[in-house]
PDB file of N, CA and C in Angstrom:
ATOM      1  N   MET A   1      85.897  89.977 101.989  1.00  0.00           N
ATOM      2  CA  MET A   1      86.011  89.682 103.341  1.00  0.00           C
ATOM      3  C   MET A   1      85.864  91.016 104.090  1.00  0.00           C
ATOM      4  N   THR A   2      85.110  90.976 105.123  1.00  0.00           N
ATOM      5  CA  THR A   2      84.886  92.212 106.040  1.00  0.00           C
ATOM      6  C   THR A   2      85.996  92.183 107.073  1.00  0.00           C
ATOM      7  N   LEU A   3      86.183  93.333 107.743  1.00  0.00           N
ATOM      8  CA  LEU A   3      87.053  93.439 108.847  1.00  0.00           C
ATOM      9  C   LEU A   3      86.704  92.503 109.969  1.00  0.00           C
ATOM     10  N   GLU A   4      85.392  92.389 110.166  1.00  0.00           N
ATOM     11  CA  GLU A   4      84.902  91.396 111.191  1.00  0.00           C
ATOM     12  C   GLU A   4      85.308  89.956 110.879  1.00  0.00           C
ATOM     13  N   GLU A   5      85.136  89.564 109.595  1.00  0.00           N
ATOM     14  CA  GLU A   5      85.490  88.279 109.196  1.00  0.00           C
ATOM     15  C   GLU A   5      87.029  88.024 109.262  1.00  0.00           C
ATOM     16  N   PHE A   6      87.778  89.064 108.932  1.00  0.00           N
ATOM     17  CA  PHE A   6      89.231  88.969 109.048  1.00  0.00           C
ATOM     18  C   PHE A   6      89.627  88.793 110.562  1.00  0.00           C
ATOM     19  N   GLU A   7      89.021  89.609 111.373  1.00  0.00           N
ATOM     20  CA  GLU A   7      89.363  89.428 112.841  1.00  0.00           C
ATOM     21  C   GLU A   7      88.898  88.130 113.381  1.00  0.00           C
ATOM     22  N   ALA A   8      87.761  87.565 112.894  1.00  0.00           N
ATOM     23  CA  ALA A   8      87.303  86.330 113.331  1.00  0.00           C
ATOM     24  C   ALA A   8      88.245  85.184 112.887  1.00  0.00           C
ATOM     25  N   SER A   9      88.961  85.351 111.705  1.00  0.00           N
ATOM     26  CA  SER A   9      89.867  84.355 111.252  1.00  0.00           C
ATOM     27  C   SER A   9      91.122  84.213 112.140  1.00  0.00           C
ATOM     28  N   LEU A  10      91.279  85.084 113.055  1.00  0.00           N
ATOM     29  CA  LEU A  10      92.361  84.995 113.968  1.00  0.00           C
ATOM     30  C   LEU A  10      92.173  83.910 115.044  1.00  0.00           C
ATOM     31  N   GLN A  11      91.010  83.389 115.092  1.00  0.00           N
ATOM     32  CA  GLN A  11      90.707  82.180 115.913  1.00  0.00           C
ATOM     33  C   GLN A  11      91.300  80.903 115.290  1.00  0.00           C
ATOM     34  N   SER A  12      91.604  80.893 114.094  1.00  0.00           N
ATOM     35  CA  SER A  12      92.170  79.714 113.346  1.00  0.00           C
ATOM     36  C   SER A  12      93.669  79.663 113.528  1.00  0.00           C
ATOM     37  N   PRO A  13      94.301  78.466 113.448  1.00  0.00           N
ATOM     38  CA  PRO A  13      95.669  78.351 113.624  1.00  0.00           C
ATOM     39  C   PRO A  13      96.540  78.852 112.402  1.00  0.00           C
ATOM     40  N   GLU A  14      95.870  79.031 111.246  1.00  0.00           N
ATOM     41  CA  GLU A  14      96.501  79.448 110.017  1.00  0.00           C
ATOM     42  C   GLU A  14      95.599  80.513 109.380  1.00  0.00           C
ATOM     43  N   PRO A  15      96.304  81.490 108.573  1.00  0.00           N
ATOM     44  CA  PRO A  15      95.512  82.512 107.996  1.00  0.00           C
ATOM     45  C   PRO A  15      94.722  81.958 106.808  1.00  0.00           C
ATOM     46  N   PRO A  16      93.602  82.595 106.416  1.00  0.00           N
ATOM     47  CA  PRO A  16      92.934  82.144 105.225  1.00  0.00           C
ATOM     48  C   PRO A  16      93.790  82.135 104.030  1.00  0.00           C
ATOM     49  N   ALA A  17      93.598  81.169 103.201  1.00  0.00           N
ATOM     50  CA  ALA A  17      94.521  80.923 102.007  1.00  0.00           C
ATOM     51  C   ALA A  17      94.399  82.085 101.044  1.00  0.00           C
ATOM     52  N   HIS A  18      93.348  82.749 100.967  1.00  0.00           N
ATOM     53  CA  HIS A  18      93.060  83.779  99.908  1.00  0.00           C
ATOM     54  C   HIS A  18      93.648  85.183 100.266  1.00  0.00           C
ATOM     55  N   LEU A  19      94.212  85.303 101.491  1.00  0.00           N
ATOM     56  CA  LEU A  19      94.690  86.605 101.858  1.00  0.00           C
ATOM     57  C   LEU A  19      95.966  87.018 101.053  1.00  0.00           C
ATOM     58  N   THR A  20      96.082  88.284 100.828  1.00  0.00           N
ATOM     59  CA  THR A  20      97.242  88.799 100.277  1.00  0.00           C
ATOM     60  C   THR A  20      98.439  88.700 101.238  1.00  0.00           C
ATOM     61  N   GLU A  21      99.644  88.935 100.794  1.00  0.00           N
ATOM     62  CA  GLU A  21     100.854  88.850 101.656  1.00  0.00           C
ATOM     63  C   GLU A  21     100.656  89.910 102.792  1.00  0.00           C
ATOM     64  N   LEU A  22     100.239  91.066 102.424  1.00  0.00           N
ATOM     65  CA  LEU A  22     100.106  92.162 103.496  1.00  0.00           C
ATOM     66  C   LEU A  22      99.071  91.834 104.478  1.00  0.00           C
ATOM     67  N   LEU A  23      97.935  91.327 104.105  1.00  0.00           N
ATOM     68  CA  LEU A  23      96.947  90.882 105.054  1.00  0.00           C
ATOM     69  C   LEU A  23      97.402  89.739 105.851  1.00  0.00           C
ATOM     70  N   ARG A  24      98.183  88.809 105.263  1.00  0.00           N
ATOM     71  CA  ARG A  24      98.772  87.732 106.114  1.00  0.00           C
ATOM     72  C   ARG A  24      99.766  88.364 107.090  1.00  0.00           C
ATOM     73  N   ALA A  25     100.525  89.408 106.731  1.00  0.00           N
ATOM     74  CA  ALA A  25     101.425  90.075 107.631  1.00  0.00           C
ATOM     75  C   ALA A  25     100.655  90.591 108.852  1.00  0.00           C
ATOM     76  N   LEU A  26      99.529  91.330 108.537  1.00  0.00           N
ATOM     77  CA  LEU A  26      98.769  91.846 109.689  1.00  0.00           C
ATOM     78  C   LEU A  26      98.201  90.676 110.533  1.00  0.00           C
ATOM     79  N   TRP A  27      97.747  89.599 109.880  1.00  0.00           N
ATOM     80  CA  TRP A  27      97.191  88.480 110.580  1.00  0.00           C
ATOM     81  C   TRP A  27      98.277  87.921 111.573  1.00  0.00           C
ATOM     82  N   TYR A  28      99.488  87.755 111.081  1.00  0.00           N
ATOM     83  CA  TYR A  28     100.548  87.227 111.935  1.00  0.00           C
ATOM     84  C   TYR A  28     100.927  88.189 113.012  1.00  0.00           C
ATOM     85  N   ASP A  29     100.936  89.438 112.733  1.00  0.00           N
ATOM     86  CA  ASP A  29     101.224  90.482 113.778  1.00  0.00           C
ATOM     87  C   ASP A  29     100.183  90.366 114.882  1.00  0.00           C
ATOM     88  N   ARG A  30      98.929  90.294 114.499  1.00  0.00           N
ATOM     89  CA  ARG A  30      97.878  90.161 115.574  1.00  0.00           C
ATOM     90  C   ARG A  30      97.989  88.921 116.366  1.00  0.00           C
ATOM     91  N   LYS A  31      98.536  87.856 115.764  1.00  0.00           N
ATOM     92  CA  LYS A  31      98.733  86.551 116.433  1.00  0.00           C
ATOM     93  C   LYS A  31      99.948  86.593 117.254  1.00  0.00           C
ATOM     94  N   GLY A  32     100.775  87.670 117.221  1.00  0.00           N
ATOM     95  CA  GLY A  32     101.966  87.810 118.029  1.00  0.00           C
ATOM     96  C   GLY A  32     103.181  87.304 117.425  1.00  0.00           C
ATOM     97  N   ASN A  33     103.141  87.053 116.094  1.00  0.00           N
ATOM     98  CA  ASN A  33     104.368  86.512 115.344  1.00  0.00           C
ATOM     99  C   ASN A  33     104.928  87.666 114.494  1.00  0.00           C
ATOM    100  N   TRP A  34     105.647  88.610 115.196  1.00  0.00           N
ATOM    101  CA  TRP A  34     106.206  89.725 114.577  1.00  0.00           C
ATOM    102  C   TRP A  34     107.147  89.377 113.448  1.00  0.00           C
ATOM    103  N   GLU A  35     108.029  88.324 113.618  1.00  0.00           N
ATOM    104  CA  GLU A  35     109.000  87.984 112.739  1.00  0.00           C
ATOM    105  C   GLU A  35     108.375  87.536 111.376  1.00  0.00           C
ATOM    106  N   GLU A  36     107.410  86.717 111.438  1.00  0.00           N
ATOM    107  CA  GLU A  36     106.691  86.297 110.201  1.00  0.00           C
ATOM    108  C   GLU A  36     105.963  87.421 109.499  1.00  0.00           C
ATOM    109  N   ALA A  37     105.418  88.287 110.287  1.00  0.00           N
ATOM    110  CA  ALA A  37     104.738  89.446 109.743  1.00  0.00           C
ATOM    111  C   ALA A  37     105.787  90.406 109.060  1.00  0.00           C
ATOM    112  N   HIS A  38     106.872  90.578 109.646  1.00  0.00           N
ATOM    113  CA  HIS A  38     107.918  91.454 109.080  1.00  0.00           C
ATOM    114  C   HIS A  38     108.526  90.819 107.833  1.00  0.00           C
ATOM    115  N   HIS A  39     108.724  89.532 107.873  1.00  0.00           N
ATOM    116  CA  HIS A  39     109.207  88.786 106.682  1.00  0.00           C
ATOM    117  C   HIS A  39     108.300  88.980 105.487  1.00  0.00           C
ATOM    118  N   LEU A  40     106.961  88.949 105.715  1.00  0.00           N
ATOM    119  CA  LEU A  40     106.040  89.023 104.627  1.00  0.00           C
ATOM    120  C   LEU A  40     105.939  90.475 104.171  1.00  0.00           C
ATOM    121  N   ALA A  41     105.928  91.425 105.068  1.00  0.00           N
ATOM    122  CA  ALA A  41     105.731  92.830 104.611  1.00  0.00           C
ATOM    123  C   ALA A  41     106.952  93.286 103.920  1.00  0.00           C
ATOM    124  N   GLN A  42     108.192  92.956 104.335  1.00  0.00           N
ATOM    125  CA  GLN A  42     109.369  93.484 103.647  1.00  0.00           C
ATOM    126  C   GLN A  42     109.537  92.941 102.226  1.00  0.00           C
ATOM    127  N   ALA A  43     108.765  91.917 101.918  1.00  0.00           N
ATOM    128  CA  ALA A  43     108.971  91.337 100.565  1.00  0.00           C
ATOM    129  C   ALA A  43     107.954  91.984  99.559  1.00  0.00           C
ATOM    130  N   VAL A  44     107.225  92.976  99.995  1.00  0.00           N
ATOM    131  CA  VAL A  44     106.190  93.613  99.138  1.00  0.00           C
ATOM    132  C   VAL A  44     106.671  95.029  98.844  1.00  0.00           C
ATOM    133  N   PRO A  45     107.197  95.270  97.665  1.00  0.00           N
ATOM    134  CA  PRO A  45     107.879  96.533  97.333  1.00  0.00           C
ATOM    135  C   PRO A  45     106.867  97.618  96.814  1.00  0.00           C
ATOM    136  N   THR A  46     105.755  97.832  97.512  1.00  0.00           N
ATOM    137  CA  THR A  46     104.722  98.828  97.152  1.00  0.00           C
ATOM    138  C   THR A  46     104.587  99.819  98.277  1.00  0.00           C
ATOM    139  N   ALA A  47     103.825 100.837  98.013  1.00  0.00           N
ATOM    140  CA  ALA A  47     103.553 101.793  99.074  1.00  0.00           C
ATOM    141  C   ALA A  47     102.809 101.164 100.195  1.00  0.00           C
ATOM    142  N   ASP A  48     101.805 100.274  99.868  1.00  0.00           N
ATOM    143  CA  ASP A  48     101.159  99.525 101.003  1.00  0.00           C
ATOM    144  C   ASP A  48     102.094  98.724 101.819  1.00  0.00           C
ATOM    145  N   GLY A  49     103.054  98.001 101.108  1.00  0.00           N
ATOM    146  CA  GLY A  49     103.970  97.250 101.744  1.00  0.00           C
ATOM    147  C   GLY A  49     104.823  98.020 102.690  1.00  0.00           C
ATOM    148  N   SER A  50     105.242  99.189 102.277  1.00  0.00           N
ATOM    149  CA  SER A  50     106.002 100.094 103.100  1.00  0.00           C
ATOM    150  C   SER A  50     105.219 100.580 104.313  1.00  0.00           C
ATOM    151  N   TRP A  51     103.898 100.811 104.098  1.00  0.00           N
ATOM    152  CA  TRP A  51     103.040 101.214 105.184  1.00  0.00           C
ATOM    153  C   TRP A  51     102.965 100.082 106.330  1.00  0.00           C
ATOM    154  N   VAL A  52     102.702  98.854 105.859  1.00  0.00           N
ATOM    155  CA  VAL A  52     102.673  97.780 106.823  1.00  0.00           C
ATOM    156  C   VAL A  52     104.081  97.613 107.476  1.00  0.00           C
ATOM    157  N   HIS A  53     105.181  97.763 106.770  1.00  0.00           N
ATOM    158  CA  HIS A  53     106.490  97.720 107.215  1.00  0.00           C
ATOM    159  C   HIS A  53     106.716  98.788 108.336  1.00  0.00           C
ATOM    160  N   ALA A  54     106.276 100.033 108.078  1.00  0.00           N
ATOM    161  CA  ALA A  54     106.377 101.066 108.977  1.00  0.00           C
ATOM    162  C   ALA A  54     105.682 100.829 110.260  1.00  0.00           C
ATOM    163  N   TYR A  55     104.365 100.299 110.145  1.00  0.00           N
ATOM    164  CA  TYR A  55     103.597  99.968 111.318  1.00  0.00           C
ATOM    165  C   TYR A  55     104.282  98.892 112.133  1.00  0.00           C
ATOM    166  N   LEU A  56     104.887  97.910 111.464  1.00  0.00           N
ATOM    167  CA  LEU A  56     105.533  96.872 112.276  1.00  0.00           C
ATOM    168  C   LEU A  56     106.745  97.348 112.979  1.00  0.00           C
ATOM    169  N   HIS A  57     107.549  98.270 112.378  1.00  0.00           N
ATOM    170  CA  HIS A  57     108.665  98.839 113.174  1.00  0.00           C
ATOM    171  C   HIS A  57     108.158  99.732 114.290  1.00  0.00           C
ATOM    172  N   ARG A  58     107.084 100.415 114.088  1.00  0.00           N
ATOM    173  CA  ARG A  58     106.520 101.139 115.167  1.00  0.00           C
ATOM    174  C   ARG A  58     106.071 100.256 116.291  1.00  0.00           C
ATOM    175  N   ARG A  59     105.431  99.113 115.980  1.00  0.00           N
ATOM    176  CA  ARG A  59     105.089  98.156 117.028  1.00  0.00           C
ATOM    177  C   ARG A  59     106.376  97.617 117.731  1.00  0.00           C
ATOM    178  N   GLU A  60     107.388  97.399 117.021  1.00  0.00           N
ATOM    179  CA  GLU A  60     108.640  96.911 117.521  1.00  0.00           C
ATOM    180  C   GLU A  60     109.302  97.890 118.511  1.00  0.00           C
ATOM    181  N   GLY A  61     108.917  99.107 118.412  1.00  0.00           N
ATOM    182  CA  GLY A  61     109.570 100.173 119.188  1.00  0.00           C
ATOM    183  C   GLY A  61     110.811 100.798 118.573  1.00  0.00           C
ATOM    184  N   ASP A  62     110.865 100.776 117.243  1.00  0.00           N
ATOM    185  CA  ASP A  62     111.946 101.402 116.514  1.00  0.00           C
ATOM    186  C   ASP A  62     111.460 102.504 115.665  1.00  0.00           C
ATOM    187  N   PRO A  63     111.286 103.756 116.292  1.00  0.00           N
ATOM    188  CA  PRO A  63     110.626 104.890 115.585  1.00  0.00           C
ATOM    189  C   PRO A  63     111.475 105.370 114.397  1.00  0.00           C
ATOM    190  N   GLY A  64     112.801 105.230 114.488  1.00  0.00           N
ATOM    191  CA  GLY A  64     113.627 105.807 113.350  1.00  0.00           C
ATOM    192  C   GLY A  64     113.360 104.895 112.141  1.00  0.00           C
ATOM    193  N   ASN A  65     113.321 103.591 112.344  1.00  0.00           N
ATOM    194  CA  ASN A  65     113.069 102.682 111.153  1.00  0.00           C
ATOM    195  C   ASN A  65     111.696 102.835 110.733  1.00  0.00           C
ATOM    196  N   ALA A  66     110.792 102.979 111.544  1.00  0.00           N
ATOM    197  CA  ALA A  66     109.352 103.246 111.184  1.00  0.00           C
ATOM    198  C   ALA A  66     109.224 104.488 110.317  1.00  0.00           C
ATOM    199  N   ARG A  67     109.869 105.536 110.791  1.00  0.00           N
ATOM    200  CA  ARG A  67     109.889 106.879 110.117  1.00  0.00           C
ATOM    201  C   ARG A  67     110.309 106.679 108.610  1.00  0.00           C
ATOM    202  N   TYR A  68     111.385 105.963 108.431  1.00  0.00           N
ATOM    203  CA  TYR A  68     111.914 105.691 107.132  1.00  0.00           C
ATOM    204  C   TYR A  68     110.883 104.998 106.248  1.00  0.00           C
ATOM    205  N   TRP A  69     110.180 104.037 106.804  1.00  0.00           N
ATOM    206  CA  TRP A  69     109.128 103.285 105.991  1.00  0.00           C
ATOM    207  C   TRP A  69     107.962 104.150 105.738  1.00  0.00           C
ATOM    208  N   TYR A  70     107.520 105.045 106.674  1.00  0.00           N
ATOM    209  CA  TYR A  70     106.442 105.904 106.444  1.00  0.00           C
ATOM    210  C   TYR A  70     106.739 106.790 105.212  1.00  0.00           C
ATOM    211  N   VAL A  71     107.976 107.291 105.147  1.00  0.00           N
ATOM    212  CA  VAL A  71     108.430 108.113 104.067  1.00  0.00           C
ATOM    213  C   VAL A  71     108.320 107.354 102.725  1.00  0.00           C
ATOM    214  N   ARG A  72     108.817 106.123 102.780  1.00  0.00           N
ATOM    215  CA  ARG A  72     108.702 105.259 101.591  1.00  0.00           C
ATOM    216  C   ARG A  72     107.264 104.960 101.179  1.00  0.00           C
ATOM    217  N   ALA A  73     106.378 104.938 102.130  1.00  0.00           N
ATOM    218  CA  ALA A  73     104.971 104.659 101.897  1.00  0.00           C
ATOM    219  C   ALA A  73     104.278 105.921 101.420  1.00  0.00           C
ATOM    220  N   GLY A  74     104.901 107.068 101.514  1.00  0.00           N
ATOM    221  CA  GLY A  74     104.234 108.333 101.190  1.00  0.00           C
ATOM    222  C   GLY A  74     103.147 108.747 102.201  1.00  0.00           C
ATOM    223  N   ARG A  75     103.361 108.369 103.447  1.00  0.00           N
ATOM    224  CA  ARG A  75     102.407 108.617 104.515  1.00  0.00           C
ATOM    225  C   ARG A  75     103.092 109.338 105.625  1.00  0.00           C
ATOM    226  N   ALA A  76     102.263 110.133 106.376  1.00  0.00           N
ATOM    227  CA  ALA A  76     102.724 110.756 107.600  1.00  0.00           C
ATOM    228  C   ALA A  76     102.807 109.762 108.683  1.00  0.00           C
ATOM    229  N   GLU A  77     103.763 109.913 109.563  1.00  0.00           N
ATOM    230  CA  GLU A  77     103.831 109.015 110.674  1.00  0.00           C
ATOM    231  C   GLU A  77     102.517 109.041 111.454  1.00  0.00           C
ATOM    232  N   SER A  78     102.157 107.797 111.956  1.00  0.00           N
ATOM    233  CA  SER A  78     100.893 107.653 112.595  1.00  0.00           C
ATOM    234  C   SER A  78     100.976 108.205 114.001  1.00  0.00           C
ATOM    235  N   GLY A  79      99.990 108.893 114.423  1.00  0.00           N
ATOM    236  CA  GLY A  79      99.846 109.415 115.791  1.00  0.00           C
ATOM    237  C   GLY A  79      98.761 108.734 116.534  1.00  0.00           C
ATOM    238  N   THR A  80      98.215 107.701 115.930  1.00  0.00           N
ATOM    239  CA  THR A  80      97.149 106.949 116.575  1.00  0.00           C
ATOM    240  C   THR A  80      97.727 105.773 117.386  1.00  0.00           C
ATOM    241  N   SER A  81      96.819 105.081 118.072  1.00  0.00           N
ATOM    242  CA  SER A  81      97.265 103.910 118.791  1.00  0.00           C
ATOM    243  C   SER A  81      97.717 102.720 117.701  1.00  0.00           C
ATOM    244  N   LEU A  82      98.495 101.863 118.169  1.00  0.00           N
ATOM    245  CA  LEU A  82      98.759 100.678 117.259  1.00  0.00           C
ATOM    246  C   LEU A  82      97.513  99.982 116.844  1.00  0.00           C
ATOM    247  N   GLU A  83      96.527  99.823 117.702  1.00  0.00           N
ATOM    248  CA  GLU A  83      95.320  99.173 117.390  1.00  0.00           C
ATOM    249  C   GLU A  83      94.574  99.930 116.266  1.00  0.00           C
ATOM    250  N   GLU A  84      94.549 101.235 116.427  1.00  0.00           N
ATOM    251  CA  GLU A  84      93.799 101.988 115.464  1.00  0.00           C
ATOM    252  C   GLU A  84      94.522 102.011 114.093  1.00  0.00           C
ATOM    253  N   GLU A  85      95.862 102.010 114.148  1.00  0.00           N
ATOM    254  CA  GLU A  85      96.554 101.955 112.871  1.00  0.00           C
ATOM    255  C   GLU A  85      96.442 100.600 112.175  1.00  0.00           C
ATOM    256  N   TRP A  86      96.425  99.481 112.969  1.00  0.00           N
ATOM    257  CA  TRP A  86      96.261  98.112 112.441  1.00  0.00           C
ATOM    258  C   TRP A  86      94.948  98.051 111.734  1.00  0.00           C
ATOM    259  N   THR A  87      93.846  98.553 112.433  1.00  0.00           N
ATOM    260  CA  THR A  87      92.507  98.546 111.883  1.00  0.00           C
ATOM    261  C   THR A  87      92.382  99.348 110.615  1.00  0.00           C
ATOM    262  N   ARG A  88      93.100 100.596 110.569  1.00  0.00           N
ATOM    263  CA  ARG A  88      93.019 101.434 109.422  1.00  0.00           C
ATOM    264  C   ARG A  88      93.662 100.695 108.217  1.00  0.00           C
ATOM    265  N   ILE A  89      94.869 100.079 108.467  1.00  0.00           N
ATOM    266  CA  ILE A  89      95.573  99.408 107.356  1.00  0.00           C
ATOM    267  C   ILE A  89      94.736  98.244 106.923  1.00  0.00           C
ATOM    268  N   ALA A  90      94.299  97.441 107.863  1.00  0.00           N
ATOM    269  CA  ALA A  90      93.491  96.254 107.463  1.00  0.00           C
ATOM    270  C   ALA A  90      92.233  96.616 106.660  1.00  0.00           C
ATOM    271  N   THR A  91      91.572  97.683 107.026  1.00  0.00           N
ATOM    272  CA  THR A  91      90.332  98.181 106.303  1.00  0.00           C
ATOM    273  C   THR A  91      90.780  98.555 104.912  1.00  0.00           C
ATOM    274  N   HIS A  92      91.803  99.251 104.817  1.00  0.00           N
ATOM    275  CA  HIS A  92      92.358  99.714 103.479  1.00  0.00           C
ATOM    276  C   HIS A  92      92.698  98.489 102.578  1.00  0.00           C
ATOM    277  N   LEU A  93      93.430  97.564 103.156  1.00  0.00           N
ATOM    278  CA  LEU A  93      93.804  96.425 102.304  1.00  0.00           C
ATOM    279  C   LEU A  93      92.628  95.513 101.931  1.00  0.00           C
ATOM    280  N   LEU A  94      91.711  95.361 102.865  1.00  0.00           N
ATOM    281  CA  LEU A  94      90.497  94.570 102.571  1.00  0.00           C
ATOM    282  C   LEU A  94      89.695  95.162 101.540  1.00  0.00           C
ATOM    283  N   ALA A  95      89.572  96.467 101.490  1.00  0.00           N
ATOM    284  CA  ALA A  95      88.804  97.131 100.476  1.00  0.00           C
ATOM    285  C   ALA A  95      89.397  97.038  99.070  1.00  0.00           C
ATOM    286  N   ASN A  96      90.641  96.627  99.069  1.00  0.00           N
ATOM    287  CA  ASN A  96      91.351  96.482  97.709  1.00  0.00           C
ATOM    288  C   ASN A  96      91.547  94.979  97.338  1.00  0.00           C
ATOM    289  N   LEU A  97      90.921  94.088  98.015  1.00  0.00           N
ATOM    290  CA  LEU A  97      90.953  92.653  97.664  1.00  0.00           C
ATOM    291  C   LEU A  97      90.303  92.366  96.337  1.00  0.00           C
TER     292      LEU A  97
END
């Protein structure tokens, strides 16, 4: 799946069935359902799960919590826009499908 196809899937009421939990989290985030996105991300105990979790807390406006999850992800805190970070994460996750 390409980034363009992933973004096009946002027109549907439900995420594509073959998406990973973390891609589903980004899908729900983009659809405005932060709670579902957070629920999905916090259940994935990997560096990528921590990265998505960090991004979500950054979107929430909780920089302290985001900072904690960036450390857990082994990544520097993002200085880009939320849109740019979302795209960067989605591209990374899609490349690993």
